[in-house]
């Protein structure tokens, strides 16, 4: 059996104009991840293409090096980027305000609580395929994209391989959802509770041979071992956004 560790990136710069970069706390979380990964005996590391994902890998690798362990360089998989959250907000906030007057303050005096409620409302409508925007990735397309990335990772894995992937909450929710065969909407809903720098462990059956395998992600050959673990983080580094 092979092992896949799915790791959510460290805390990003929530509420700032340049969101896609780690906060100071996010770098601390990534250093803790690196210390933990130094003991994981990894053959390969993968990462999504977003800056917060790549910064988490870079900081984690530096932390492992300081602990005396050189982690493998990361292979970037574009398929493991997050769902298009900011594009959703950009296109769908006007519709939300038009349909729900309580969100009118988003355009004049938004509060963090109102922003969160608006985001979760829009995300729920997108995840259930009630709301869509021309040219913007739909939830079924997001799930298909992430599955292709999972296929690539497992397809390249040797028998008994131990691999890690730094990605975002959405792709982790998809991986868990595919394992249990739940609907796309529930996969996205599962992702909402995933903490920054958490570790989700999956076991998968591998096949001997050196050639990459297509369609390697077979739900009946993947098992969830642990979900959303943060035991490697001190209490003051537990965050969900």
C-alpha atoms as a PDB file:
ATOM      1  CA  UNK A   1       0.000   0.000   0.000  1.00  0.00           C
ATOM      2  CA  UNK A   2       1.159   3.522  -0.767  1.00  0.00           C
ATOM      3  CA  UNK A   3       0.589   6.569   1.415  1.00  0.00           C
ATOM      4  CA  UNK A   4      -0.535  10.010   0.278  1.00  0.00           C
ATOM      5  CA  UNK A   5      -0.436  12.950   2.683  1.00  0.00           C
ATOM      6  CA  UNK A   6      -2.659  15.820   1.574  1.00  0.00           C
ATOM      7  CA  UNK A   7      -1.605  19.049   3.268  1.00  0.00           C
ATOM      8  CA  UNK A   8      -3.499  22.296   3.156  1.00  0.00           C
ATOM      9  CA  UNK A   9      -1.311  25.365   2.669  1.00  0.00           C
ATOM     10  CA  UNK A  10      -0.509  27.641   5.608  1.00  0.00           C
ATOM     11  CA  UNK A  11      -2.678  30.622   6.451  1.00  0.00           C
ATOM     12  CA  UNK A  12      -2.878  33.074   3.557  1.00  0.00           C
ATOM     13  CA  UNK A  13      -3.205  36.866   3.865  1.00  0.00           C
ATOM     14  CA  UNK A  14      -6.951  36.883   4.425  1.00  0.00           C
ATOM     15  CA  UNK A  15      -8.586  40.292   4.095  1.00  0.00           C
ATOM     16  CA  UNK A  16      -5.640  41.861   2.263  1.00  0.00           C
ATOM     17  CA  UNK A  17      -5.583  42.948  -1.371  1.00  0.00           C
ATOM     18  CA  UNK A  18      -2.835  40.396  -2.114  1.00  0.00           C
ATOM     19  CA  UNK A  19      -4.451  37.316  -0.567  1.00  0.00           C
ATOM     20  CA  UNK A  20      -2.365  34.696  -2.343  1.00  0.00           C
ATOM     21  CA  UNK A  21       0.671  34.734  -0.070  1.00  0.00           C
ATOM     22  CA  UNK A  22       1.356  33.319   3.356  1.00  0.00           C
ATOM     23  CA  UNK A  23       0.832  35.434   6.444  1.00  0.00           C
ATOM     24  CA  UNK A  24       3.473  35.453   9.181  1.00  0.00           C
ATOM     25  CA  UNK A  25       1.424  32.772  10.960  1.00  0.00           C
ATOM     26  CA  UNK A  26       1.186  30.833   7.691  1.00  0.00           C
ATOM     27  CA  UNK A  27       4.981  30.657   7.509  1.00  0.00           C
ATOM     28  CA  UNK A  28       5.085  29.419  11.109  1.00  0.00           C
ATOM     29  CA  UNK A  29       2.582  26.710  10.219  1.00  0.00           C
ATOM     30  CA  UNK A  30       4.631  25.739   7.176  1.00  0.00           C
ATOM     31  CA  UNK A  31       7.759  25.429   9.303  1.00  0.00           C
ATOM     32  CA  UNK A  32       5.886  23.076  11.624  1.00  0.00           C
ATOM     33  CA  UNK A  33       4.774  21.050   8.589  1.00  0.00           C
ATOM     34  CA  UNK A  34       8.395  20.822   7.449  1.00  0.00           C
ATOM     35  CA  UNK A  35       9.525  19.500  10.814  1.00  0.00           C
ATOM     36  CA  UNK A  36       6.788  16.866  10.620  1.00  0.00           C
ATOM     37  CA  UNK A  37       7.582  15.947   6.991  1.00  0.00           C
ATOM     38  CA  UNK A  38      11.248  15.475   7.905  1.00  0.00           C
ATOM     39  CA  UNK A  39      10.134  12.273   9.679  1.00  0.00           C
ATOM     40  CA  UNK A  40       7.755  11.063   6.948  1.00  0.00           C
ATOM     41  CA  UNK A  41      10.321   9.300   4.683  1.00  0.00           C
ATOM     42  CA  UNK A  42       8.911  10.735   1.475  1.00  0.00           C
ATOM     43  CA  UNK A  43       9.748   9.654  -2.060  1.00  0.00           C
ATOM     44  CA  UNK A  44       8.024  12.612  -3.732  1.00  0.00           C
ATOM     45  CA  UNK A  45       6.330  15.939  -3.008  1.00  0.00           C
ATOM     46  CA  UNK A  46       3.712  17.624  -5.175  1.00  0.00           C
ATOM     47  CA  UNK A  47       2.164  21.075  -4.955  1.00  0.00           C
ATOM     48  CA  UNK A  48      -0.538  23.136  -6.568  1.00  0.00           C
ATOM     49  CA  UNK A  49       0.541  26.195  -8.582  1.00  0.00           C
ATOM     50  CA  UNK A  50      -0.777  28.962  -6.322  1.00  0.00           C
ATOM     51  CA  UNK A  51       1.722  31.153  -4.503  1.00  0.00           C
ATOM     52  CA  UNK A  52       0.405  30.250  -1.033  1.00  0.00           C
ATOM     53  CA  UNK A  53       0.785  26.567  -1.901  1.00  0.00           C
ATOM     54  CA  UNK A  54       4.325  26.964  -3.253  1.00  0.00           C
ATOM     55  CA  UNK A  55       5.424  29.180  -0.356  1.00  0.00           C
ATOM     56  CA  UNK A  56       4.213  26.500   2.045  1.00  0.00           C
ATOM     57  CA  UNK A  57       6.376  23.917   0.280  1.00  0.00           C
ATOM     58  CA  UNK A  58       9.437  26.202   0.194  1.00  0.00           C
ATOM     59  CA  UNK A  59       9.155  27.101   3.874  1.00  0.00           C
ATOM     60  CA  UNK A  60       8.506  23.474   4.856  1.00  0.00           C
ATOM     61  CA  UNK A  61      11.521  22.244   2.898  1.00  0.00           C
ATOM     62  CA  UNK A  62      13.745  24.880   4.531  1.00  0.00           C
ATOM     63  CA  UNK A  63      12.493  23.790   7.948  1.00  0.00           C
ATOM     64  CA  UNK A  64      13.226  20.139   7.166  1.00  0.00           C
ATOM     65  CA  UNK A  65      16.701  21.069   5.970  1.00  0.00           C
ATOM     66  CA  UNK A  66      17.320  22.850   9.274  1.00  0.00           C
ATOM     67  CA  UNK A  67      16.309  19.584  10.965  1.00  0.00           C
ATOM     68  CA  UNK A  68      18.920  17.727   8.913  1.00  0.00           C
ATOM     69  CA  UNK A  69      16.633  16.207   6.255  1.00  0.00           C
ATOM     70  CA  UNK A  70      16.554  17.147   2.568  1.00  0.00           C
ATOM     71  CA  UNK A  71      13.036  16.740   1.247  1.00  0.00           C
ATOM     72  CA  UNK A  72      12.486  16.019  -2.465  1.00  0.00           C
ATOM     73  CA  UNK A  73      11.887  19.078  -4.671  1.00  0.00           C
ATOM     74  CA  UNK A  74       8.227  19.660  -5.403  1.00  0.00           C
ATOM     75  CA  UNK A  75       6.571  18.763  -8.689  1.00  0.00           C
ATOM     76  CA  UNK A  76       3.932  21.376  -9.530  1.00  0.00           C
ATOM     77  CA  UNK A  77       0.516  20.126 -10.659  1.00  0.00           C
ATOM     78  CA  UNK A  78      -1.737  22.877 -12.067  1.00  0.00           C
ATOM     79  CA  UNK A  79      -4.740  20.588 -11.536  1.00  0.00           C
ATOM     80  CA  UNK A  80      -4.430  21.055  -7.773  1.00  0.00           C
ATOM     81  CA  UNK A  81      -5.192  24.766  -7.648  1.00  0.00           C
ATOM     82  CA  UNK A  82      -8.197  25.840  -5.586  1.00  0.00           C
ATOM     83  CA  UNK A  83     -11.667  26.440  -7.021  1.00  0.00           C
ATOM     84  CA  UNK A  84     -12.095  29.964  -8.497  1.00  0.00           C
ATOM     85  CA  UNK A  85     -13.260  31.650  -5.281  1.00  0.00           C
ATOM     86  CA  UNK A  86     -12.338  35.240  -6.090  1.00  0.00           C
ATOM     87  CA  UNK A  87     -13.775  35.066  -9.580  1.00  0.00           C
ATOM     88  CA  UNK A  88     -16.997  33.708  -8.079  1.00  0.00           C
ATOM     89  CA  UNK A  89     -17.211  36.649  -5.720  1.00  0.00           C
ATOM     90  CA  UNK A  90     -16.412  39.153  -8.435  1.00  0.00           C
ATOM     91  CA  UNK A  91     -19.172  37.897 -10.718  1.00  0.00           C
ATOM     92  CA  UNK A  92     -21.799  36.746  -8.235  1.00  0.00           C
ATOM     93  CA  UNK A  93     -21.842  39.345  -5.441  1.00  0.00           C
ATOM     94  CA  UNK A  94     -24.075  41.673  -7.534  1.00  0.00           C
ATOM     95  CA  UNK A  95     -26.548  38.818  -8.015  1.00  0.00           C
ATOM     96  CA  UNK A  96     -26.392  37.988  -4.312  1.00  0.00           C
ATOM     97  CA  UNK A  97     -27.123  41.591  -3.356  1.00  0.00           C
ATOM     98  CA  UNK A  98     -29.991  41.783  -5.850  1.00  0.00           C
ATOM     99  CA  UNK A  99     -31.617  38.626  -4.491  1.00  0.00           C
ATOM    100  CA  UNK A 100     -30.875  39.143  -0.787  1.00  0.00           C
ATOM    101  CA  UNK A 101     -31.182  42.744   0.489  1.00  0.00           C
ATOM    102  CA  UNK A 102     -29.346  41.927   3.721  1.00  0.00           C
ATOM    103  CA  UNK A 103     -26.129  41.797   1.685  1.00  0.00           C
ATOM    104  CA  UNK A 104     -26.446  45.381   0.410  1.00  0.00           C
ATOM    105  CA  UNK A 105     -23.904  46.497   3.018  1.00  0.00           C
ATOM    106  CA  UNK A 106     -21.241  44.567   1.108  1.00  0.00           C
ATOM    107  CA  UNK A 107     -20.970  47.545  -1.245  1.00  0.00           C
ATOM    108  CA  UNK A 108     -20.820  50.216   1.471  1.00  0.00           C
ATOM    109  CA  UNK A 109     -19.877  48.979   4.955  1.00  0.00           C
ATOM    110  CA  UNK A 110     -18.904  45.289   4.797  1.00  0.00           C
ATOM    111  CA  UNK A 111     -17.987  43.475   8.000  1.00  0.00           C
ATOM    112  CA  UNK A 112     -15.872  40.300   8.206  1.00  0.00           C
ATOM    113  CA  UNK A 113     -18.940  38.365   9.328  1.00  0.00           C
ATOM    114  CA  UNK A 114     -21.015  39.615   6.396  1.00  0.00           C
ATOM    115  CA  UNK A 115     -18.209  38.829   3.947  1.00  0.00           C
ATOM    116  CA  UNK A 116     -17.973  35.288   5.317  1.00  0.00           C
ATOM    117  CA  UNK A 117     -21.719  34.771   5.078  1.00  0.00           C
ATOM    118  CA  UNK A 118     -21.751  36.095   1.523  1.00  0.00           C
ATOM    119  CA  UNK A 119     -18.885  33.833   0.503  1.00  0.00           C
ATOM    120  CA  UNK A 120     -20.485  30.721   1.989  1.00  0.00           C
ATOM    121  CA  UNK A 121     -23.809  31.551   0.361  1.00  0.00           C
ATOM    122  CA  UNK A 122     -22.205  31.988  -3.054  1.00  0.00           C
ATOM    123  CA  UNK A 123     -20.037  28.888  -2.586  1.00  0.00           C
ATOM    124  CA  UNK A 124     -23.098  26.809  -1.699  1.00  0.00           C
ATOM    125  CA  UNK A 125     -24.977  27.997  -4.799  1.00  0.00           C
ATOM    126  CA  UNK A 126     -21.938  27.312  -7.009  1.00  0.00           C
ATOM    127  CA  UNK A 127     -21.306  23.890  -5.442  1.00  0.00           C
ATOM    128  CA  UNK A 128     -24.915  22.839  -6.035  1.00  0.00           C
ATOM    129  CA  UNK A 129     -24.645  24.142  -9.626  1.00  0.00           C
ATOM    130  CA  UNK A 130     -27.495  26.592  -9.027  1.00  0.00           C
ATOM    131  CA  UNK A 131     -25.316  29.546  -9.996  1.00  0.00           C
ATOM    132  CA  UNK A 132     -22.825  29.519 -12.845  1.00  0.00           C
ATOM    133  CA  UNK A 133     -20.900  32.127 -14.801  1.00  0.00           C
ATOM    134  CA  UNK A 134     -20.015  31.797 -18.477  1.00  0.00           C
ATOM    135  CA  UNK A 135     -16.327  30.987 -18.798  1.00  0.00           C
ATOM    136  CA  UNK A 136     -15.942  30.235 -15.088  1.00  0.00           C
ATOM    137  CA  UNK A 137     -15.175  26.701 -13.925  1.00  0.00           C
ATOM    138  CA  UNK A 138     -18.269  24.834 -12.736  1.00  0.00           C
ATOM    139  CA  UNK A 139     -18.184  22.495  -9.782  1.00  0.00           C
ATOM    140  CA  UNK A 140     -18.213  19.341 -11.959  1.00  0.00           C
ATOM    141  CA  UNK A 141     -15.265  20.712 -13.959  1.00  0.00           C
ATOM    142  CA  UNK A 142     -13.408  21.478 -10.734  1.00  0.00           C
ATOM    143  CA  UNK A 143     -13.890  17.919  -9.489  1.00  0.00           C
ATOM    144  CA  UNK A 144     -12.770  16.490 -12.846  1.00  0.00           C
ATOM    145  CA  UNK A 145      -9.659  18.692 -12.817  1.00  0.00           C
ATOM    146  CA  UNK A 146      -8.649  17.677  -9.306  1.00  0.00           C
ATOM    147  CA  UNK A 147      -9.227  14.015 -10.063  1.00  0.00           C
ATOM    148  CA  UNK A 148      -6.851  14.339 -13.019  1.00  0.00           C
ATOM    149  CA  UNK A 149      -4.181  15.671 -10.661  1.00  0.00           C
ATOM    150  CA  UNK A 150      -4.757  12.811  -8.235  1.00  0.00           C
ATOM    151  CA  UNK A 151      -4.470  10.412 -11.174  1.00  0.00           C
ATOM    152  CA  UNK A 152      -1.107  11.893 -12.103  1.00  0.00           C
ATOM    153  CA  UNK A 153       0.273  11.551  -8.580  1.00  0.00           C
ATOM    154  CA  UNK A 154      -0.846   8.003  -8.006  1.00  0.00           C
ATOM    155  CA  UNK A 155      -0.023   6.986 -11.560  1.00  0.00           C
ATOM    156  CA  UNK A 156       3.608   7.939 -11.043  1.00  0.00           C
ATOM    157  CA  UNK A 157       3.896   6.287  -7.619  1.00  0.00           C
ATOM    158  CA  UNK A 158       5.934   3.145  -7.188  1.00  0.00           C
ATOM    159  CA  UNK A 159       4.744   0.237  -5.051  1.00  0.00           C
ATOM    160  CA  UNK A 160       4.570   1.279  -1.398  1.00  0.00           C
ATOM    161  CA  UNK A 161       5.473   4.899  -2.170  1.00  0.00           C
ATOM    162  CA  UNK A 162       5.078   7.622   0.442  1.00  0.00           C
ATOM    163  CA  UNK A 163       4.174  10.949  -1.158  1.00  0.00           C
ATOM    164  CA  UNK A 164       2.913  14.321   0.012  1.00  0.00           C
ATOM    165  CA  UNK A 165       0.974  17.047  -1.730  1.00  0.00           C
ATOM    166  CA  UNK A 166       0.502  20.645  -0.610  1.00  0.00           C
ATOM    167  CA  UNK A 167      -2.727  21.984  -2.012  1.00  0.00           C
ATOM    168  CA  UNK A 168      -5.882  23.763  -0.811  1.00  0.00           C
ATOM    169  CA  UNK A 169      -9.025  22.818   1.083  1.00  0.00           C
ATOM    170  CA  UNK A 170     -11.112  22.319  -2.068  1.00  0.00           C
ATOM    171  CA  UNK A 171      -8.921  19.637  -3.667  1.00  0.00           C
ATOM    172  CA  UNK A 172      -8.587  17.851  -0.322  1.00  0.00           C
ATOM    173  CA  UNK A 173     -12.380  17.829  -0.024  1.00  0.00           C
ATOM    174  CA  UNK A 174     -12.584  16.359  -3.524  1.00  0.00           C
ATOM    175  CA  UNK A 175     -10.075  13.612  -2.694  1.00  0.00           C
ATOM    176  CA  UNK A 176     -12.023  12.647   0.423  1.00  0.00           C
ATOM    177  CA  UNK A 177     -15.309  12.871  -1.477  1.00  0.00           C
ATOM    178  CA  UNK A 178     -14.084  10.666  -4.305  1.00  0.00           C
ATOM    179  CA  UNK A 179     -12.959   8.090  -1.769  1.00  0.00           C
ATOM    180  CA  UNK A 180     -16.473   7.827  -0.343  1.00  0.00           C
ATOM    181  CA  UNK A 181     -18.408   8.495  -3.552  1.00  0.00           C
ATOM    182  CA  UNK A 182     -20.278  11.539  -2.274  1.00  0.00           C
ATOM    183  CA  UNK A 183     -21.838  14.209  -4.554  1.00  0.00           C
ATOM    184  CA  UNK A 184     -19.811  17.197  -5.758  1.00  0.00           C
ATOM    185  CA  UNK A 185     -21.716  19.556  -3.475  1.00  0.00           C
ATOM    186  CA  UNK A 186     -20.787  17.516  -0.401  1.00  0.00           C
ATOM    187  CA  UNK A 187     -17.139  17.459  -1.453  1.00  0.00           C
ATOM    188  CA  UNK A 188     -17.079  21.257  -1.404  1.00  0.00           C
ATOM    189  CA  UNK A 189     -18.964  21.301   1.888  1.00  0.00           C
ATOM    190  CA  UNK A 190     -16.387  18.928   3.389  1.00  0.00           C
ATOM    191  CA  UNK A 191     -13.603  21.307   2.376  1.00  0.00           C
ATOM    192  CA  UNK A 192     -14.993  24.164   4.480  1.00  0.00           C
ATOM    193  CA  UNK A 193     -13.813  22.620   7.768  1.00  0.00           C
ATOM    194  CA  UNK A 194     -10.260  21.814   6.634  1.00  0.00           C
ATOM    195  CA  UNK A 195      -7.695  23.714   8.709  1.00  0.00           C
ATOM    196  CA  UNK A 196      -4.578  25.458   7.494  1.00  0.00           C
ATOM    197  CA  UNK A 197      -1.490  23.219   7.434  1.00  0.00           C
ATOM    198  CA  UNK A 198      -3.572  20.166   8.379  1.00  0.00           C
ATOM    199  CA  UNK A 199      -2.687  16.667   7.204  1.00  0.00           C
ATOM    200  CA  UNK A 200      -5.127  14.190   5.667  1.00  0.00           C
ATOM    201  CA  UNK A 201      -3.721  10.702   5.113  1.00  0.00           C
ATOM    202  CA  UNK A 202      -4.885   8.328   2.403  1.00  0.00           C
ATOM    203  CA  UNK A 203      -3.678   4.812   1.636  1.00  0.00           C
ATOM    204  CA  UNK A 204      -3.781   3.516  -1.920  1.00  0.00           C
ATOM    205  CA  UNK A 205      -2.946   0.302  -3.714  1.00  0.00           C
ATOM    206  CA  UNK A 206       0.036   0.532  -6.019  1.00  0.00           C
ATOM    207  CA  UNK A 207       1.255  -1.653  -8.820  1.00  0.00           C
ATOM    208  CA  UNK A 208       4.791  -2.675  -9.583  1.00  0.00           C
ATOM    209  CA  UNK A 209       6.427  -1.173 -12.634  1.00  0.00           C
ATOM    210  CA  UNK A 210       8.197   1.978 -13.735  1.00  0.00           C
ATOM    211  CA  UNK A 211       5.722   3.330 -16.276  1.00  0.00           C
ATOM    212  CA  UNK A 212       3.160   5.950 -15.208  1.00  0.00           C
ATOM    213  CA  UNK A 213      -0.367   4.553 -15.137  1.00  0.00           C
ATOM    214  CA  UNK A 214      -3.468   6.284 -16.434  1.00  0.00           C
ATOM    215  CA  UNK A 215      -6.633   6.289 -14.336  1.00  0.00           C
ATOM    216  CA  UNK A 216      -4.626   5.302 -11.267  1.00  0.00           C
ATOM    217  CA  UNK A 217      -7.126   6.892  -8.866  1.00  0.00           C
ATOM    218  CA  UNK A 218      -9.591   4.082  -8.189  1.00  0.00           C
ATOM    219  CA  UNK A 219     -11.905   4.874  -5.252  1.00  0.00           C
ATOM    220  CA  UNK A 220     -12.263   1.196  -4.365  1.00  0.00           C
ATOM    221  CA  UNK A 221      -8.474   1.058  -3.916  1.00  0.00           C
ATOM    222  CA  UNK A 222      -8.133   4.225  -1.810  1.00  0.00           C
ATOM    223  CA  UNK A 223      -8.860   4.436   1.922  1.00  0.00           C
ATOM    224  CA  UNK A 224      -9.040   7.395   4.271  1.00  0.00           C
ATOM    225  CA  UNK A 225      -6.814   6.878   7.325  1.00  0.00           C
ATOM    226  CA  UNK A 226      -6.933  10.296   9.011  1.00  0.00           C
ATOM    227  CA  UNK A 227      -8.635  13.598   8.192  1.00  0.00           C
ATOM    228  CA  UNK A 228      -7.712  17.214   8.985  1.00  0.00           C
ATOM    229  CA  UNK A 229      -5.075  16.436  11.630  1.00  0.00           C
ATOM    230  CA  UNK A 230      -3.210  19.325  13.282  1.00  0.00           C
ATOM    231  CA  UNK A 231      -1.341  17.520  16.055  1.00  0.00           C
ATOM    232  CA  UNK A 232       1.952  18.802  14.649  1.00  0.00           C
ATOM    233  CA  UNK A 233       0.815  22.397  15.263  1.00  0.00           C
ATOM    234  CA  UNK A 234       0.782  24.170  18.645  1.00  0.00           C
ATOM    235  CA  UNK A 235      -2.638  25.420  19.733  1.00  0.00           C
ATOM    236  CA  UNK A 236      -1.911  29.029  18.772  1.00  0.00           C
ATOM    237  CA  UNK A 237      -1.304  27.965  15.160  1.00  0.00           C
ATOM    238  CA  UNK A 238      -4.718  26.359  14.613  1.00  0.00           C
ATOM    239  CA  UNK A 239      -6.565  28.377  11.963  1.00  0.00           C
ATOM    240  CA  UNK A 240      -9.218  27.703   9.338  1.00  0.00           C
ATOM    241  CA  UNK A 241      -8.620  30.708   7.093  1.00  0.00           C
END
